[in-house]
Amino acid sequence: MSVYDLSAGQSAEVIAVNVDGAAAERLYSLGIRKGAKVKCVAFSLFGVSVLVLCGYNRIGLRKAVAERIEVHIC
């Protein structure tokens, strides 16, 4: 299951981040790493992006990136 598959308001724990390069470094610096707790806040109008909460950070992720972050529902 990926971050994009979560419903709004649902929380999960990150299992793996399957992103490479600068995007992986950015996610890591914002707290999205293995073992982190994330919460899906909302989706954009046409579902092209998702807003997640990780710690005190609100992070907007494109669908392509959100689908590569594997999670397990808490």
Protein backbone atom coordinates (compact mmCIF):
# COMPACT_ATOMS: atom_id res chain seq x y z
CA MET A 1 0.00 0.00 0.00
CA SER A 2 1.28 3.49 -0.78
CA VAL A 3 0.72 6.93 0.72
CA TYR A 4 -1.54 7.71 -2.23
CA ASP A 5 -3.81 4.77 -1.31
CA LEU A 6 -4.60 6.20 2.14
CA SER A 7 -7.92 7.91 2.78
CA ALA A 8 -8.03 11.47 4.10
CA GLY A 9 -7.49 11.38 7.86
CA GLN A 10 -5.85 7.94 7.86
CA SER A 11 -2.46 7.40 9.55
CA ALA A 12 0.28 4.96 8.59
CA GLU A 13 3.91 4.03 9.19
CA VAL A 14 6.44 4.29 6.37
CA ILE A 15 7.90 0.90 5.39
CA ALA A 16 10.06 1.98 2.43
CA VAL A 17 10.78 5.03 0.30
CA ASN A 18 11.42 3.87 -3.28
CA VAL A 19 12.59 7.23 -4.63
CA ASP A 20 16.09 8.10 -5.88
CA GLY A 21 18.21 11.21 -6.18
CA ALA A 22 17.32 14.68 -4.97
CA ALA A 23 13.70 13.72 -4.28
CA ALA A 24 14.85 11.03 -1.83
CA GLU A 25 17.10 13.52 -0.03
CA ARG A 26 14.28 16.06 0.18
CA LEU A 27 11.85 13.51 1.63
CA TYR A 28 14.46 12.33 4.15
CA SER A 29 15.16 15.89 5.29
CA LEU A 30 11.42 16.50 5.77
CA GLY A 31 11.10 13.40 7.95
CA ILE A 32 9.66 10.90 5.49
CA ARG A 33 11.86 7.86 6.11
CA LYS A 34 11.47 4.26 7.19
CA GLY A 35 9.61 4.06 10.52
CA ALA A 36 8.12 7.57 10.34
CA LYS A 37 4.42 8.14 11.03
CA VAL A 38 2.50 9.96 8.31
CA LYS A 39 -1.11 11.12 8.08
CA CYS A 40 -3.01 11.81 4.87
CA VAL A 41 -4.61 15.24 5.20
CA ALA A 42 -6.24 15.87 1.81
CA PHE A 43 -6.09 15.32 -1.94
CA SER A 44 -5.97 17.95 -4.66
CA LEU A 45 -9.02 18.60 -6.83
CA PHE A 46 -8.27 16.06 -9.55
CA GLY A 47 -6.16 13.74 -7.38
CA VAL A 48 -2.83 14.76 -8.90
CA SER A 49 -1.26 15.40 -5.49
CA VAL A 50 -1.73 14.59 -1.82
CA LEU A 51 -1.06 16.59 1.34
CA VAL A 52 0.52 14.58 4.16
CA LEU A 53 1.50 15.40 7.72
CA CYS A 54 4.80 14.05 9.03
CA GLY A 55 5.70 15.31 12.49
CA TYR A 56 5.06 19.06 12.33
CA ASN A 57 5.62 19.25 8.56
CA ARG A 58 2.84 19.45 5.99
CA ILE A 59 4.19 18.11 2.72
CA GLY A 60 2.59 18.21 -0.71
CA LEU A 61 3.50 15.17 -2.80
CA ARG A 62 2.83 14.54 -6.47
CA LYS A 63 0.97 11.32 -7.23
CA ALA A 64 4.05 9.73 -8.86
CA VAL A 65 6.14 10.26 -5.70
CA ALA A 66 3.35 9.37 -3.25
CA GLU A 67 2.82 6.04 -5.01
CA ARG A 68 6.49 5.11 -4.39
CA ILE A 69 6.27 5.53 -0.60
CA GLU A 70 5.15 2.22 0.90
CA VAL A 71 3.21 2.36 4.18
CA HIS A 72 1.51 0.10 6.69
CA ILE A 73 -1.71 1.33 8.32
CA CYS A 74 -1.38 1.88 12.07
